[in-house]
Amino acid sequence: MLPNLIISPGDNTRGGSGGGPDDDSNYLAQTVRVYGFSAIAFGFALGLTFLIFFGLFRLWGAPSTHITAFVSKINPNLWLCFIAGFVGGTLISGIYNLLMVRRINLFGL
């Protein structure tokens, strides 16, 4: 069952002093779930991108001699490319989400 979403800035019957998202007792759990899912989704997308790019570079060669030399020098395993992209993307997205969450308030946003 979907929660009752309040979209008007008028009366809020959930209680609390200001009626904002901080007064909702499930706000922190929902925030962690949403940002965690987006971090994992971004990690999966970056891992899949690494897998495709390095696979294409191994099959057809790279468009530049510098990239060809780099790919032939490291001789990437496709699964390791996916794991590296997944872990790197998850960390990048997790750090970005932590910096942009209103509670840290690093940049005053």
C-alpha atoms as a PDB file:
ATOM      1  CA  MET A   1       0.000   0.000   0.000  1.00  0.00           C
ATOM      2  CA  LEU A   2       1.360   3.411  -0.952  1.00  0.00           C
ATOM      3  CA  PRO A   3       1.901   6.007   1.763  1.00  0.00           C
ATOM      4  CA  ASN A   4      -0.307   9.067   1.876  1.00  0.00           C
ATOM      5  CA  LEU A   5       1.767  11.665   0.027  1.00  0.00           C
ATOM      6  CA  ILE A   6       1.199  15.267   1.032  1.00  0.00           C
ATOM      7  CA  ILE A   7       2.030  17.590  -1.843  1.00  0.00           C
ATOM      8  CA  SER A   8       0.434  20.827  -0.703  1.00  0.00           C
ATOM      9  CA  PRO A   9       2.317  23.272   1.507  1.00  0.00           C
ATOM     10  CA  GLY A  10      -0.779  23.692   3.667  1.00  0.00           C
ATOM     11  CA  ASP A  11      -1.808  21.686   6.723  1.00  0.00           C
ATOM     12  CA  ASN A  12       0.268  18.672   7.635  1.00  0.00           C
ATOM     13  CA  THR A  13      -1.463  16.201   9.911  1.00  0.00           C
ATOM     14  CA  ARG A  14       1.572  14.018  10.575  1.00  0.00           C
ATOM     15  CA  GLY A  15       2.472  15.919  13.679  1.00  0.00           C
ATOM     16  CA  GLY A  16       5.720  17.420  14.838  1.00  0.00           C
ATOM     17  CA  SER A  17       6.732  21.011  15.060  1.00  0.00           C
ATOM     18  CA  GLY A  18       7.345  22.041  11.450  1.00  0.00           C
ATOM     19  CA  GLY A  19       5.724  19.246   9.531  1.00  0.00           C
ATOM     20  CA  GLY A  20       8.775  18.716   7.305  1.00  0.00           C
ATOM     21  CA  PRO A  21      10.469  15.486   6.394  1.00  0.00           C
ATOM     22  CA  ASP A  22      12.557  15.561   9.575  1.00  0.00           C
ATOM     23  CA  ASP A  23       9.412  14.980  11.635  1.00  0.00           C
ATOM     24  CA  ASP A  24       8.625  11.745   9.823  1.00  0.00           C
ATOM     25  CA  SER A  25      10.011   8.826  11.822  1.00  0.00           C
ATOM     26  CA  ASN A  26      10.670   6.783   8.667  1.00  0.00           C
ATOM     27  CA  TYR A  27      12.538   9.572   6.856  1.00  0.00           C
ATOM     28  CA  LEU A  28      16.055   8.380   7.715  1.00  0.00           C
ATOM     29  CA  ALA A  29      15.332   4.757   6.769  1.00  0.00           C
ATOM     30  CA  GLN A  30      13.725   5.830   3.487  1.00  0.00           C
ATOM     31  CA  THR A  31      16.635   8.144   2.709  1.00  0.00           C
ATOM     32  CA  VAL A  32      19.217   5.433   3.318  1.00  0.00           C
ATOM     33  CA  ARG A  33      17.253   3.007   1.156  1.00  0.00           C
ATOM     34  CA  VAL A  34      16.872   5.453  -1.730  1.00  0.00           C
ATOM     35  CA  TYR A  35      20.487   6.622  -1.718  1.00  0.00           C
ATOM     36  CA  GLY A  36      21.772   3.081  -1.244  1.00  0.00           C
ATOM     37  CA  PHE A  37      19.749   1.832  -4.189  1.00  0.00           C
ATOM     38  CA  SER A  38      20.889   4.708  -6.400  1.00  0.00           C
ATOM     39  CA  ALA A  39      24.540   4.096  -5.437  1.00  0.00           C
ATOM     40  CA  ILE A  40      24.281   0.396  -6.298  1.00  0.00           C
ATOM     41  CA  ALA A  41      22.436   1.175  -9.543  1.00  0.00           C
ATOM     42  CA  PHE A  42      25.125   3.662 -10.579  1.00  0.00           C
ATOM     43  CA  GLY A  43      27.849   1.144  -9.685  1.00  0.00           C
ATOM     44  CA  PHE A  44      26.144  -1.540 -11.782  1.00  0.00           C
ATOM     45  CA  ALA A  45      25.798   0.867 -14.721  1.00  0.00           C
ATOM     46  CA  LEU A  46      29.455   1.907 -14.553  1.00  0.00           C
ATOM     47  CA  GLY A  47      30.563  -1.722 -14.248  1.00  0.00           C
ATOM     48  CA  LEU A  48      28.507  -2.648 -17.287  1.00  0.00           C
ATOM     49  CA  THR A  49      29.978   0.317 -19.178  1.00  0.00           C
ATOM     50  CA  PHE A  50      33.539  -0.772 -18.328  1.00  0.00           C
ATOM     51  CA  LEU A  51      32.687  -4.298 -19.413  1.00  0.00           C
ATOM     52  CA  ILE A  52      31.325  -3.140 -22.770  1.00  0.00           C
ATOM     53  CA  PHE A  53      34.096  -0.647 -23.515  1.00  0.00           C
ATOM     54  CA  PHE A  54      36.978  -2.937 -22.652  1.00  0.00           C
ATOM     55  CA  GLY A  55      35.249  -5.789 -24.498  1.00  0.00           C
ATOM     56  CA  LEU A  56      34.892  -3.648 -27.603  1.00  0.00           C
ATOM     57  CA  PHE A  57      38.469  -2.435 -27.303  1.00  0.00           C
ATOM     58  CA  ARG A  58      39.687  -6.036 -27.149  1.00  0.00           C
ATOM     59  CA  LEU A  59      37.552  -7.130 -30.106  1.00  0.00           C
ATOM     60  CA  TRP A  60      37.997  -4.274 -32.581  1.00  0.00           C
ATOM     61  CA  GLY A  61      40.863  -2.313 -31.135  1.00  0.00           C
ATOM     62  CA  ALA A  62      40.799   1.181 -29.752  1.00  0.00           C
ATOM     63  CA  PRO A  63      40.395   4.321 -31.879  1.00  0.00           C
ATOM     64  CA  SER A  64      43.708   5.709 -30.657  1.00  0.00           C
ATOM     65  CA  THR A  65      47.168   4.178 -30.436  1.00  0.00           C
ATOM     66  CA  HIS A  66      47.523   5.372 -26.847  1.00  0.00           C
ATOM     67  CA  ILE A  67      44.354   3.543 -25.785  1.00  0.00           C
ATOM     68  CA  THR A  68      45.431   0.448 -27.740  1.00  0.00           C
ATOM     69  CA  ALA A  69      48.777   0.443 -25.938  1.00  0.00           C
ATOM     70  CA  PHE A  70      47.036   0.900 -22.586  1.00  0.00           C
ATOM     71  CA  VAL A  71      44.546  -1.929 -23.199  1.00  0.00           C
ATOM     72  CA  SER A  72      47.217  -4.315 -24.475  1.00  0.00           C
ATOM     73  CA  LYS A  73      49.509  -3.462 -21.553  1.00  0.00           C
ATOM     74  CA  ILE A  74      46.973  -4.192 -18.796  1.00  0.00           C
ATOM     75  CA  ASN A  75      45.228  -7.030 -20.733  1.00  0.00           C
ATOM     76  CA  PRO A  76      41.958  -6.635 -18.818  1.00  0.00           C
ATOM     77  CA  ASN A  77      39.790  -9.533 -17.797  1.00  0.00           C
ATOM     78  CA  LEU A  78      36.176  -8.633 -18.568  1.00  0.00           C
ATOM     79  CA  TRP A  79      34.833  -9.746 -15.180  1.00  0.00           C
ATOM     80  CA  LEU A  80      37.521  -7.782 -13.359  1.00  0.00           C
ATOM     81  CA  CYS A  81      36.581  -4.726 -15.434  1.00  0.00           C
ATOM     82  CA  PHE A  82      32.977  -5.140 -14.346  1.00  0.00           C
ATOM     83  CA  ILE A  83      33.958  -5.573 -10.665  1.00  0.00           C
ATOM     84  CA  ALA A  84      36.276  -2.534 -10.788  1.00  0.00           C
ATOM     85  CA  GLY A  85      33.572  -0.401 -12.417  1.00  0.00           C
ATOM     86  CA  PHE A  86      30.917  -1.641  -9.985  1.00  0.00           C
ATOM     87  CA  VAL A  87      33.011  -0.951  -6.885  1.00  0.00           C
ATOM     88  CA  GLY A  88      34.304   2.366  -8.214  1.00  0.00           C
ATOM     89  CA  GLY A  89      30.869   3.546  -9.313  1.00  0.00           C
ATOM     90  CA  THR A  90      29.283   2.551  -6.016  1.00  0.00           C
ATOM     91  CA  LEU A  91      31.954   4.423  -4.052  1.00  0.00           C
ATOM     92  CA  ILE A  92      31.723   7.518  -6.246  1.00  0.00           C
ATOM     93  CA  SER A  93      27.938   7.582  -6.040  1.00  0.00           C
ATOM     94  CA  GLY A  94      27.961   6.906  -2.302  1.00  0.00           C
ATOM     95  CA  ILE A  95      30.365   9.764  -1.633  1.00  0.00           C
ATOM     96  CA  TYR A  96      28.369  12.081  -3.892  1.00  0.00           C
ATOM     97  CA  ASN A  97      25.126  11.153  -2.142  1.00  0.00           C
ATOM     98  CA  LEU A  98      26.692  11.733   1.268  1.00  0.00           C
ATOM     99  CA  LEU A  99      27.894  15.179   0.214  1.00  0.00           C
ATOM    100  CA  MET A 100      24.551  16.176  -1.263  1.00  0.00           C
ATOM    101  CA  VAL A 101      22.306  14.940   1.534  1.00  0.00           C
ATOM    102  CA  ARG A 102      20.884  17.870   3.414  1.00  0.00           C
ATOM    103  CA  ARG A 103      22.000  16.558   6.795  1.00  0.00           C
ATOM    104  CA  ILE A 104      25.724  16.911   6.095  1.00  0.00           C
ATOM    105  CA  ASN A 105      25.281  20.417   4.692  1.00  0.00           C
ATOM    106  CA  LEU A 106      28.835  20.593   3.370  1.00  0.00           C
ATOM    107  CA  PHE A 107      28.212  23.160   0.670  1.00  0.00           C
ATOM    108  CA  GLY A 108      25.325  24.922   2.344  1.00  0.00           C
ATOM    109  CA  LEU A 109      22.760  23.549  -0.107  1.00  0.00           C
END
